[in-house]
PDB file of N, CA and C in Angstrom:
ATOM      1  N   MET A   1      -2.866  33.030  10.463  1.00  0.00           N
ATOM      2  CA  MET A   1      -3.468  31.793   9.996  1.00  0.00           C
ATOM      3  C   MET A   1      -2.454  30.662  10.067  1.00  0.00           C
ATOM      4  N   ASN A   2      -2.977  29.470  10.344  1.00  0.00           N
ATOM      5  CA  ASN A   2      -2.121  28.290  10.427  1.00  0.00           C
ATOM      6  C   ASN A   2      -2.529  27.336   9.301  1.00  0.00           C
ATOM      7  N   PHE A   3      -1.637  27.118   8.381  1.00  0.00           N
ATOM      8  CA  PHE A   3      -1.914  26.276   7.223  1.00  0.00           C
ATOM      9  C   PHE A   3      -1.478  24.824   7.404  1.00  0.00           C
ATOM     10  N   ASN A   4      -0.945  24.481   8.562  1.00  0.00           N
ATOM     11  CA  ASN A   4      -0.421  23.125   8.771  1.00  0.00           C
ATOM     12  C   ASN A   4      -1.478  22.045   8.544  1.00  0.00           C
ATOM     13  N   GLY A   5      -2.691  22.256   9.027  1.00  0.00           N
ATOM     14  CA  GLY A   5      -3.754  21.262   8.841  1.00  0.00           C
ATOM     15  C   GLY A   5      -4.073  21.038   7.377  1.00  0.00           C
ATOM     16  N   ILE A   6      -4.143  22.117   6.612  1.00  0.00           N
ATOM     17  CA  ILE A   6      -4.426  22.010   5.176  1.00  0.00           C
ATOM     18  C   ILE A   6      -3.270  21.319   4.464  1.00  0.00           C
ATOM     19  N   ILE A   7      -2.050  21.651   4.841  1.00  0.00           N
ATOM     20  CA  ILE A   7      -0.871  21.034   4.209  1.00  0.00           C
ATOM     21  C   ILE A   7      -0.834  19.539   4.514  1.00  0.00           C
ATOM     22  N   VAL A   8      -1.063  19.175   5.768  1.00  0.00           N
ATOM     23  CA  VAL A   8      -1.059  17.751   6.137  1.00  0.00           C
ATOM     24  C   VAL A   8      -2.196  17.025   5.430  1.00  0.00           C
ATOM     25  N   GLY A   9      -3.367  17.631   5.379  1.00  0.00           N
ATOM     26  CA  GLY A   9      -4.499  17.009   4.689  1.00  0.00           C
ATOM     27  C   GLY A   9      -4.199  16.762   3.222  1.00  0.00           C
ATOM     28  N   ALA A  10      -3.613  17.752   2.558  1.00  0.00           N
ATOM     29  CA  ALA A  10      -3.257  17.592   1.143  1.00  0.00           C
ATOM     30  C   ALA A  10      -2.179  16.532   0.962  1.00  0.00           C
ATOM     31  N   ALA A  11      -1.208  16.510   1.873  1.00  0.00           N
ATOM     32  CA  ALA A  11      -0.136  15.512   1.790  1.00  0.00           C
ATOM     33  C   ALA A  11      -0.688  14.101   1.963  1.00  0.00           C
ATOM     34  N   VAL A  12      -1.590  13.921   2.921  1.00  0.00           N
ATOM     35  CA  VAL A  12      -2.190  12.601   3.150  1.00  0.00           C
ATOM     36  C   VAL A  12      -2.999  12.182   1.920  1.00  0.00           C
ATOM     37  N   PHE A  13      -3.736  13.107   1.355  1.00  0.00           N
ATOM     38  CA  PHE A  13      -4.496  12.832   0.137  1.00  0.00           C
ATOM     39  C   PHE A  13      -3.569  12.344  -0.980  1.00  0.00           C
ATOM     40  N   LEU A  14      -2.443  13.018  -1.171  1.00  0.00           N
ATOM     41  CA  LEU A  14      -1.477  12.614  -2.201  1.00  0.00           C
ATOM     42  C   LEU A  14      -0.827  11.273  -1.868  1.00  0.00           C
ATOM     43  N   ILE A  15      -0.487  11.061  -0.602  1.00  0.00           N
ATOM     44  CA  ILE A  15       0.147   9.806  -0.186  1.00  0.00           C
ATOM     45  C   ILE A  15      -0.781   8.629  -0.465  1.00  0.00           C
ATOM     46  N   ILE A  16      -2.047   8.761  -0.097  1.00  0.00           N
ATOM     47  CA  ILE A  16      -3.008   7.682  -0.344  1.00  0.00           C
ATOM     48  C   ILE A  16      -3.167   7.473  -1.847  1.00  0.00           C
ATOM     49  N   GLY A  17      -3.217   8.564  -2.593  1.00  0.00           N
ATOM     50  CA  GLY A  17      -3.327   8.465  -4.042  1.00  0.00           C
ATOM     51  C   GLY A  17      -2.135   7.787  -4.691  1.00  0.00           C
ATOM     52  N   ILE A  18      -0.969   7.952  -4.106  1.00  0.00           N
ATOM     53  CA  ILE A  18       0.242   7.297  -4.624  1.00  0.00           C
ATOM     54  C   ILE A  18       0.300   5.835  -4.196  1.00  0.00           C
ATOM     55  N   CYS A  19      -0.117   5.553  -2.962  1.00  0.00           N
ATOM     56  CA  CYS A  19      -0.047   4.176  -2.454  1.00  0.00           C
ATOM     57  C   CYS A  19      -0.987   3.231  -3.195  1.00  0.00           C
ATOM     58  N   HIS A  20      -2.138   3.714  -3.627  1.00  0.00           N
ATOM     59  CA  HIS A  20      -3.113   2.839  -4.285  1.00  0.00           C
ATOM     60  C   HIS A  20      -2.541   2.170  -5.537  1.00  0.00           C
ATOM     61  N   PRO A  21      -1.986   2.907  -6.489  1.00  0.00           N
ATOM     62  CA  PRO A  21      -1.423   2.219  -7.657  1.00  0.00           C
ATOM     63  C   PRO A  21      -0.188   1.379  -7.325  1.00  0.00           C
ATOM     64  N   ILE A  22       0.556   1.764  -6.292  1.00  0.00           N
ATOM     65  CA  ILE A  22       1.716   0.962  -5.890  1.00  0.00           C
ATOM     66  C   ILE A  22       1.254  -0.413  -5.420  1.00  0.00           C
ATOM     67  N   VAL A  23       0.194  -0.448  -4.628  1.00  0.00           N
ATOM     68  CA  VAL A  23      -0.369  -1.718  -4.154  1.00  0.00           C
ATOM     69  C   VAL A  23      -0.791  -2.576  -5.337  1.00  0.00           C
ATOM     70  N   ILE A  24      -1.486  -1.982  -6.288  1.00  0.00           N
ATOM     71  CA  ILE A  24      -1.958  -2.728  -7.462  1.00  0.00           C
ATOM     72  C   ILE A  24      -0.779  -3.290  -8.248  1.00  0.00           C
ATOM     73  N   LYS A  25       0.242  -2.480  -8.475  1.00  0.00           N
ATOM     74  CA  LYS A  25       1.417  -2.931  -9.244  1.00  0.00           C
ATOM     75  C   LYS A  25       2.203  -4.003  -8.505  1.00  0.00           C
ATOM     76  N   LEU A  26       2.354  -3.845  -7.192  1.00  0.00           N
ATOM     77  CA  LEU A  26       3.084  -4.864  -6.425  1.00  0.00           C
ATOM     78  C   LEU A  26       2.374  -6.208  -6.496  1.00  0.00           C
ATOM     79  N   GLU A  27       1.050  -6.198  -6.297  1.00  0.00           N
ATOM     80  CA  GLU A  27       0.322  -7.467  -6.344  1.00  0.00           C
ATOM     81  C   GLU A  27       0.350  -8.040  -7.755  1.00  0.00           C
ATOM     82  N   TYR A  28       0.203  -7.209  -8.765  1.00  0.00           N
ATOM     83  CA  TYR A  28       0.193  -7.675 -10.153  1.00  0.00           C
ATOM     84  C   TYR A  28       1.522  -8.350 -10.504  1.00  0.00           C
ATOM     85  N   ASN A  29       2.619  -7.720 -10.136  1.00  0.00           N
ATOM     86  CA  ASN A  29       3.933  -8.229 -10.539  1.00  0.00           C
ATOM     87  C   ASN A  29       4.494  -9.298  -9.602  1.00  0.00           C
ATOM     88  N   TYR A  30       4.217  -9.190  -8.305  1.00  0.00           N
ATOM     89  CA  TYR A  30       4.882 -10.078  -7.349  1.00  0.00           C
ATOM     90  C   TYR A  30       3.931 -10.855  -6.443  1.00  0.00           C
ATOM     91  N   GLY A  31       2.651 -10.553  -6.495  1.00  0.00           N
ATOM     92  CA  GLY A  31       1.697 -11.249  -5.644  1.00  0.00           C
ATOM     93  C   GLY A  31       1.708 -10.712  -4.231  1.00  0.00           C
ATOM     94  N   LYS A  32       0.966 -11.398  -3.367  1.00  0.00           N
ATOM     95  CA  LYS A  32       0.853 -10.900  -1.994  1.00  0.00           C
ATOM     96  C   LYS A  32       2.126 -11.083  -1.185  1.00  0.00           C
ATOM     97  N   LYS A  33       3.073 -11.855  -1.721  1.00  0.00           N
ATOM     98  CA  LYS A  33       4.348 -12.007  -1.010  1.00  0.00           C
ATOM     99  C   LYS A  33       5.165 -10.712  -1.008  1.00  0.00           C
ATOM    100  N   SER A  34       4.700  -9.707  -1.735  1.00  0.00           N
ATOM    101  CA  SER A  34       5.406  -8.422  -1.776  1.00  0.00           C
ATOM    102  C   SER A  34       5.007  -7.502  -0.625  1.00  0.00           C
ATOM    103  N   TRP A  35       4.238  -8.004   0.327  1.00  0.00           N
ATOM    104  CA  TRP A  35       3.803  -7.194   1.457  1.00  0.00           C
ATOM    105  C   TRP A  35       4.979  -6.594   2.217  1.00  0.00           C
ATOM    106  N   TRP A  36       6.105  -7.279   2.217  1.00  0.00           N
ATOM    107  CA  TRP A  36       7.265  -6.819   2.992  1.00  0.00           C
ATOM    108  C   TRP A  36       7.808  -5.488   2.460  1.00  0.00           C
ATOM    109  N   VAL A  37       7.573  -5.203   1.180  1.00  0.00           N
ATOM    110  CA  VAL A  37       8.028  -3.920   0.617  1.00  0.00           C
ATOM    111  C   VAL A  37       7.301  -2.776   1.325  1.00  0.00           C
ATOM    112  N   MET A  38       5.997  -2.936   1.495  1.00  0.00           N
ATOM    113  CA  MET A  38       5.218  -1.909   2.187  1.00  0.00           C
ATOM    114  C   MET A  38       5.597  -1.846   3.670  1.00  0.00           C
ATOM    115  N   ALA A  39       5.871  -2.999   4.264  1.00  0.00           N
ATOM    116  CA  ALA A  39       6.283  -3.016   5.668  1.00  0.00           C
ATOM    117  C   ALA A  39       7.615  -2.290   5.853  1.00  0.00           C
ATOM    118  N   LEU A  40       8.555  -2.558   4.969  1.00  0.00           N
ATOM    119  CA  LEU A  40       9.857  -1.898   5.048  1.00  0.00           C
ATOM    120  C   LEU A  40       9.722  -0.392   4.854  1.00  0.00           C
ATOM    121  N   ALA A  41       8.926   0.016   3.872  1.00  0.00           N
ATOM    122  CA  ALA A  41       8.701   1.447   3.657  1.00  0.00           C
ATOM    123  C   ALA A  41       8.052   2.072   4.887  1.00  0.00           C
ATOM    124  N   GLY A  42       7.100   1.374   5.496  1.00  0.00           N
ATOM    125  CA  GLY A  42       6.451   1.887   6.698  1.00  0.00           C
ATOM    126  C   GLY A  42       7.426   2.069   7.854  1.00  0.00           C
ATOM    127  N   VAL A  43       8.318   1.110   8.024  1.00  0.00           N
ATOM    128  CA  VAL A  43       9.321   1.216   9.094  1.00  0.00           C
ATOM    129  C   VAL A  43      10.271   2.374   8.820  1.00  0.00           C
ATOM    130  N   ILE A  44      10.694   2.520   7.581  1.00  0.00           N
ATOM    131  CA  ILE A  44      11.605   3.621   7.225  1.00  0.00           C
ATOM    132  C   ILE A  44      10.933   4.973   7.464  1.00  0.00           C
ATOM    133  N   PHE A  45       9.688   5.114   7.001  1.00  0.00           N
ATOM    134  CA  PHE A  45       8.976   6.371   7.227  1.00  0.00           C
ATOM    135  C   PHE A  45       8.738   6.617   8.715  1.00  0.00           C
ATOM    136  N   SER A  46       8.458   5.570   9.479  1.00  0.00           N
ATOM    137  CA  SER A  46       8.252   5.718  10.925  1.00  0.00           C
ATOM    138  C   SER A  46       9.518   6.215  11.606  1.00  0.00           C
ATOM    139  N   CYS A  47      10.634   5.600  11.265  1.00  0.00           N
ATOM    140  CA  CYS A  47      11.907   6.026  11.858  1.00  0.00           C
ATOM    141  C   CYS A  47      12.244   7.461  11.461  1.00  0.00           C
ATOM    142  N   ALA A  48      12.023   7.780  10.198  1.00  0.00           N
ATOM    143  CA  ALA A  48      12.283   9.146   9.741  1.00  0.00           C
ATOM    144  C   ALA A  48      11.397  10.132  10.502  1.00  0.00           C
ATOM    145  N   SER A  49      10.154   9.763  10.735  1.00  0.00           N
ATOM    146  CA  SER A  49       9.228  10.634  11.463  1.00  0.00           C
ATOM    147  C   SER A  49       9.717  10.909  12.881  1.00  0.00           C
ATOM    148  N   LEU A  50      10.349   9.928  13.489  1.00  0.00           N
ATOM    149  CA  LEU A  50      10.846  10.106  14.853  1.00  0.00           C
ATOM    150  C   LEU A  50      12.022  11.070  14.938  1.00  0.00           C
ATOM    151  N   PHE A  51      12.806  11.152  13.865  1.00  0.00           N
ATOM    152  CA  PHE A  51      14.041  11.935  13.917  1.00  0.00           C
ATOM    153  C   PHE A  51      13.955  13.297  13.230  1.00  0.00           C
ATOM    154  N   VAL A  52      12.861  13.570  12.539  1.00  0.00           N
ATOM    155  CA  VAL A  52      12.689  14.874  11.908  1.00  0.00           C
ATOM    156  C   VAL A  52      12.191  15.854  12.962  1.00  0.00           C
ATOM    157  N   LYS A  53      12.858  16.990  13.076  1.00  0.00           N
ATOM    158  CA  LYS A  53      12.522  17.946  14.128  1.00  0.00           C
ATOM    159  C   LYS A  53      11.272  18.763  13.817  1.00  0.00           C
ATOM    160  N   ASP A  54      11.042  19.061  12.565  1.00  0.00           N
ATOM    161  CA  ASP A  54       9.886  19.868  12.193  1.00  0.00           C
ATOM    162  C   ASP A  54       8.604  19.054  12.336  1.00  0.00           C
ATOM    163  N   SER A  55       7.651  19.558  13.112  1.00  0.00           N
ATOM    164  CA  SER A  55       6.437  18.787  13.390  1.00  0.00           C
ATOM    165  C   SER A  55       5.585  18.566  12.139  1.00  0.00           C
ATOM    166  N   LEU A  56       5.586  19.493  11.211  1.00  0.00           N
ATOM    167  CA  LEU A  56       4.814  19.320   9.981  1.00  0.00           C
ATOM    168  C   LEU A  56       5.330  18.122   9.185  1.00  0.00           C
ATOM    169  N   TRP A  57       6.640  18.084   8.967  1.00  0.00           N
ATOM    170  CA  TRP A  57       7.225  16.982   8.188  1.00  0.00           C
ATOM    171  C   TRP A  57       7.178  15.667   8.956  1.00  0.00           C
ATOM    172  N   SER A  58       7.316  15.735  10.264  1.00  0.00           N
ATOM    173  CA  SER A  58       7.197  14.528  11.083  1.00  0.00           C
ATOM    174  C   SER A  58       5.797  13.931  10.948  1.00  0.00           C
ATOM    175  N   THR A  59       4.786  14.790  10.926  1.00  0.00           N
ATOM    176  CA  THR A  59       3.410  14.337  10.764  1.00  0.00           C
ATOM    177  C   THR A  59       3.185  13.728   9.394  1.00  0.00           C
ATOM    178  N   VAL A  60       3.698  14.371   8.371  1.00  0.00           N
ATOM    179  CA  VAL A  60       3.547  13.850   7.003  1.00  0.00           C
ATOM    180  C   VAL A  60       4.254  12.498   6.865  1.00  0.00           C
ATOM    181  N   LEU A  61       5.436  12.373   7.426  1.00  0.00           N
ATOM    182  CA  LEU A  61       6.153  11.097   7.373  1.00  0.00           C
ATOM    183  C   LEU A  61       5.421  10.012   8.157  1.00  0.00           C
ATOM    184  N   GLY A  62       4.836  10.373   9.287  1.00  0.00           N
ATOM    185  CA  GLY A  62       4.043   9.414  10.053  1.00  0.00           C
ATOM    186  C   GLY A  62       2.817   8.959   9.274  1.00  0.00           C
ATOM    187  N   ALA A  63       2.190   9.880   8.578  1.00  0.00           N
ATOM    188  CA  ALA A  63       1.034   9.522   7.742  1.00  0.00           C
ATOM    189  C   ALA A  63       1.466   8.597   6.610  1.00  0.00           C
ATOM    190  N   ALA A  64       2.623   8.873   6.026  1.00  0.00           N
ATOM    191  CA  ALA A  64       3.144   7.993   4.971  1.00  0.00           C
ATOM    192  C   ALA A  64       3.429   6.608   5.532  1.00  0.00           C
ATOM    193  N   ALA A  65       3.976   6.550   6.743  1.00  0.00           N
ATOM    194  CA  ALA A  65       4.282   5.263   7.366  1.00  0.00           C
ATOM    195  C   ALA A  65       3.026   4.426   7.537  1.00  0.00           C
ATOM    196  N   PHE A  66       1.994   5.021   8.077  1.00  0.00           N
ATOM    197  CA  PHE A  66       0.793   4.239   8.342  1.00  0.00           C
ATOM    198  C   PHE A  66      -0.017   3.972   7.084  1.00  0.00           C
ATOM    199  N   SER A  67       0.171   4.783   6.056  1.00  0.00           N
ATOM    200  CA  SER A  67      -0.418   4.450   4.756  1.00  0.00           C
ATOM    201  C   SER A  67       0.267   3.214   4.175  1.00  0.00           C
ATOM    202  N   CYS A  68       1.564   3.110   4.374  1.00  0.00           N
ATOM    203  CA  CYS A  68       2.295   1.914   3.924  1.00  0.00           C
ATOM    204  C   CYS A  68       1.866   0.692   4.731  1.00  0.00           C
ATOM    205  N   PHE A  69       1.696   0.854   6.035  1.00  0.00           N
ATOM    206  CA  PHE A  69       1.241  -0.274   6.845  1.00  0.00           C
ATOM    207  C   PHE A  69      -0.157  -0.725   6.413  1.00  0.00           C
ATOM    208  N   TRP A  70      -1.016   0.213   6.082  1.00  0.00           N
ATOM    209  CA  TRP A  70      -2.341  -0.142   5.579  1.00  0.00           C
ATOM    210  C   TRP A  70      -2.209  -0.823   4.217  1.00  0.00           C
ATOM    211  N   GLY A  71      -1.183  -0.441   3.457  1.00  0.00           N
ATOM    212  CA  GLY A  71      -0.934  -1.060   2.154  1.00  0.00           C
ATOM    213  C   GLY A  71      -0.681  -2.558   2.253  1.00  0.00           C
ATOM    214  N   ILE A  72      -0.154  -3.024   3.376  1.00  0.00           N
ATOM    215  CA  ILE A  72       0.050  -4.464   3.580  1.00  0.00           C
ATOM    216  C   ILE A  72      -1.299  -5.171   3.509  1.00  0.00           C
ATOM    217  N   HIS A  73      -2.268  -4.643   4.223  1.00  0.00           N
ATOM    218  CA  HIS A  73      -3.619  -5.204   4.186  1.00  0.00           C
ATOM    219  C   HIS A  73      -4.193  -5.125   2.770  1.00  0.00           C
ATOM    220  N   GLU A  74      -3.956  -4.020   2.102  1.00  0.00           N
ATOM    221  CA  GLU A  74      -4.512  -3.828   0.763  1.00  0.00           C
ATOM    222  C   GLU A  74      -3.898  -4.779  -0.266  1.00  0.00           C
ATOM    223  N   ILE A  75      -2.633  -5.125  -0.124  1.00  0.00           N
ATOM    224  CA  ILE A  75      -2.014  -6.089  -1.045  1.00  0.00           C
ATOM    225  C   ILE A  75      -2.710  -7.442  -0.915  1.00  0.00           C
ATOM    226  N   ILE A  76      -2.963  -7.853   0.311  1.00  0.00           N
ATOM    227  CA  ILE A  76      -3.644  -9.130   0.535  1.00  0.00           C
ATOM    228  C   ILE A  76      -5.073  -9.067  -0.014  1.00  0.00           C
ATOM    229  N   THR A  77      -5.748  -7.960   0.226  1.00  0.00           N
ATOM    230  CA  THR A  77      -7.105  -7.784  -0.288  1.00  0.00           C
ATOM    231  C   THR A  77      -7.111  -7.682  -1.808  1.00  0.00           C
ATOM    232  N   GLN A  78      -6.068  -7.081  -2.370  1.00  0.00           N
ATOM    233  CA  GLN A  78      -5.989  -6.953  -3.831  1.00  0.00           C
ATOM    234  C   GLN A  78      -5.945  -8.326  -4.494  1.00  0.00           C
ATOM    235  N   GLU A  79      -5.239  -9.269  -3.889  1.00  0.00           N
ATOM    236  CA  GLU A  79      -5.226 -10.619  -4.455  1.00  0.00           C
ATOM    237  C   GLU A  79      -6.643 -11.196  -4.496  1.00  0.00           C
ATOM    238  N   LYS A  80      -7.420 -10.947  -3.464  1.00  0.00           N
ATOM    239  CA  LYS A  80      -8.801 -11.432  -3.444  1.00  0.00           C
ATOM    240  C   LYS A  80      -9.622 -10.779  -4.550  1.00  0.00           C
ATOM    241  N   ARG A  81      -9.363  -9.499  -4.800  1.00  0.00           N
ATOM    242  CA  ARG A  81     -10.069  -8.808  -5.882  1.00  0.00           C
ATOM    243  C   ARG A  81      -9.705  -9.396  -7.235  1.00  0.00           C
ATOM    244  N   VAL A  82      -8.440  -9.740  -7.403  1.00  0.00           N
ATOM    245  CA  VAL A  82      -7.994 -10.352  -8.660  1.00  0.00           C
ATOM    246  C   VAL A  82      -8.632 -11.724  -8.814  1.00  0.00           C
ATOM    247  N   LEU A  83      -8.685 -12.487  -7.735  1.00  0.00           N
ATOM    248  CA  LEU A  83      -9.297 -13.813  -7.796  1.00  0.00           C
ATOM    249  C   LEU A  83     -10.771 -13.733  -8.180  1.00  0.00           C
ATOM    250  N   LYS A  84     -11.436 -12.675  -7.759  1.00  0.00           N
ATOM    251  CA  LYS A  84     -12.844 -12.471  -8.122  1.00  0.00           C
ATOM    252  C   LYS A  84     -12.993 -11.844  -9.512  1.00  0.00           C
ATOM    253  N   ARG A  85     -11.850 -11.596 -10.146  1.00  0.00           N
ATOM    254  CA  ARG A  85     -11.796 -11.001 -11.496  1.00  0.00           C
ATOM    255  C   ARG A  85     -12.272  -9.551 -11.521  1.00  0.00           C
ATOM    256  N   TRP A  86     -12.141  -8.868 -10.420  1.00  0.00           N
ATOM    257  CA  TRP A  86     -12.464  -7.446 -10.375  1.00  0.00           C
ATOM    258  C   TRP A  86     -11.309  -6.613 -10.919  1.00  0.00           C
ATOM    259  N   PHE A  87     -10.088  -7.179 -10.879  1.00  0.00           N
ATOM    260  CA  PHE A  87      -8.899  -6.541 -11.412  1.00  0.00           C
ATOM    261  C   PHE A  87      -8.204  -7.541 -12.328  1.00  0.00           C
ATOM    262  N   PRO A  88      -7.454  -7.061 -13.322  1.00  0.00           N
ATOM    263  CA  PRO A  88      -6.783  -7.997 -14.222  1.00  0.00           C
ATOM    264  C   PRO A  88      -5.669  -8.760 -13.509  1.00  0.00           C
ATOM    265  N   GLU A  89      -5.505 -10.007 -13.914  1.00  0.00           N
ATOM    266  CA  GLU A  89      -4.430 -10.822 -13.350  1.00  0.00           C
ATOM    267  C   GLU A  89      -3.223 -10.770 -14.271  1.00  0.00           C
ATOM    268  N   ASN A  90      -2.093 -11.014 -13.705  1.00  0.00           N
ATOM    269  CA  ASN A  90      -0.858 -11.093 -14.473  1.00  0.00           C
ATOM    270  C   ASN A  90      -0.870 -12.429 -15.222  1.00  0.00           C
ATOM    271  N   PRO A  91      -0.812 -12.410 -16.559  1.00  0.00           N
ATOM    272  CA  PRO A  91      -0.857 -13.667 -17.313  1.00  0.00           C
ATOM    273  C   PRO A  91       0.273 -14.635 -16.933  1.00  0.00           C
ATOM    274  N   LYS A  92       1.389 -14.108 -16.489  1.00  0.00           N
ATOM    275  CA  LYS A  92       2.513 -14.956 -16.087  1.00  0.00           C
ATOM    276  C   LYS A  92       2.195 -15.735 -14.809  1.00  0.00           C
ATOM    277  N   ARG A  93       1.187 -15.274 -14.062  1.00  0.00           N
ATOM    278  CA  ARG A  93       0.834 -15.922 -12.804  1.00  0.00           C
ATOM    279  C   ARG A  93      -0.549 -16.574 -12.887  1.00  0.00           C
ATOM    280  N   HIS A  94      -1.009 -16.840 -14.095  1.00  0.00           N
ATOM    281  CA  HIS A  94      -2.344 -17.400 -14.308  1.00  0.00           C
ATOM    282  C   HIS A  94      -2.532 -18.739 -13.584  1.00  0.00           C
ATOM    283  N   ALA A  95      -1.549 -19.616 -13.650  1.00  0.00           N
ATOM    284  CA  ALA A  95      -1.660 -20.926 -12.996  1.00  0.00           C
ATOM    285  C   ALA A  95      -1.848 -20.767 -11.490  1.00  0.00           C
ATOM    286  N   TYR A  96      -1.140 -19.828 -10.904  1.00  0.00           N
ATOM    287  CA  TYR A  96      -1.270 -19.571  -9.466  1.00  0.00           C
ATOM    288  C   TYR A  96      -2.700 -19.145  -9.133  1.00  0.00           C
ATOM    289  N   TYR A  97      -3.232 -18.197  -9.906  1.00  0.00           N
ATOM    290  CA  TYR A  97      -4.592 -17.710  -9.653  1.00  0.00           C
ATOM    291  C   TYR A  97      -5.626 -18.818  -9.844  1.00  0.00           C
ATOM    292  N   GLU A  98      -5.456 -19.628 -10.866  1.00  0.00           N
ATOM    293  CA  GLU A  98      -6.408 -20.711 -11.101  1.00  0.00           C
ATOM    294  C   GLU A  98      -6.385 -21.720  -9.956  1.00  0.00           C
ATOM    295  N   GLN A  99      -5.193 -22.026  -9.466  1.00  0.00           N
ATOM    296  CA  GLN A  99      -5.084 -22.943  -8.322  1.00  0.00           C
ATOM    297  C   GLN A  99      -5.785 -22.352  -7.096  1.00  0.00           C
ATOM    298  N   LYS A 100      -5.578 -21.060  -6.842  1.00  0.00           N
ATOM    299  CA  LYS A 100      -6.222 -20.402  -5.699  1.00  0.00           C
ATOM    300  C   LYS A 100      -7.739 -20.389  -5.874  1.00  0.00           C
ATOM    301  N   ARG A 101      -8.213 -20.178  -7.097  1.00  0.00           N
ATOM    302  CA  ARG A 101      -9.659 -20.181  -7.348  1.00  0.00           C
ATOM    303  C   ARG A 101     -10.258 -21.546  -7.072  1.00  0.00           C
ATOM    304  N   LYS A 102      -9.524 -22.615  -7.450  1.00  0.00           N
ATOM    305  CA  LYS A 102     -10.016 -23.977  -7.178  1.00  0.00           C
ATOM    306  C   LYS A 102     -10.046 -24.239  -5.673  1.00  0.00           C
ATOM    307  N   GLU A 103      -9.012 -23.796  -4.979  1.00  0.00           N
ATOM    308  CA  GLU A 103      -8.956 -23.996  -3.528  1.00  0.00           C
ATOM    309  C   GLU A 103     -10.111 -23.254  -2.832  1.00  0.00           C
ATOM    310  N   LEU A 104     -10.405 -22.067  -3.307  1.00  0.00           N
ATOM    311  CA  LEU A 104     -11.447 -21.245  -2.688  1.00  0.00           C
ATOM    312  C   LEU A 104     -12.807 -21.453  -3.327  1.00  0.00           C
ATOM    313  N   GLN A 105     -12.851 -22.250  -4.399  1.00  0.00           N
ATOM    314  CA  GLN A 105     -14.061 -22.529  -5.154  1.00  0.00           C
ATOM    315  C   GLN A 105     -14.737 -21.249  -5.640  1.00  0.00           C
ATOM    316  N   LEU A 106     -13.941 -20.407  -6.291  1.00  0.00           N
ATOM    317  CA  LEU A 106     -14.471 -19.158  -6.851  1.00  0.00           C
ATOM    318  C   LEU A 106     -14.818 -19.327  -8.309  1.00  0.00           C
TER     319      LEU A 106
END
């Protein structure tokens, strides 16, 4: 039996589960300008994936890389969710959100 598919599937499930709250926390604390954190993590995981010899770990690292790259899009989308009041806003950044709401007429 080959368990690699099940292991990769479980790893991807965990990676996505970990990335979701990271995206929420990054946007809450730093706004969408924190996208570069996810980009940097994606580049690091991509490079690591290229140099790891074991195909299982290389695949898991590649999945982590592209989950981080998708996180860039999610950080930007998360700000839109906050502006629509679907997620709580950081009270320290209330003026920023109100200005964006006026600009977008939300």
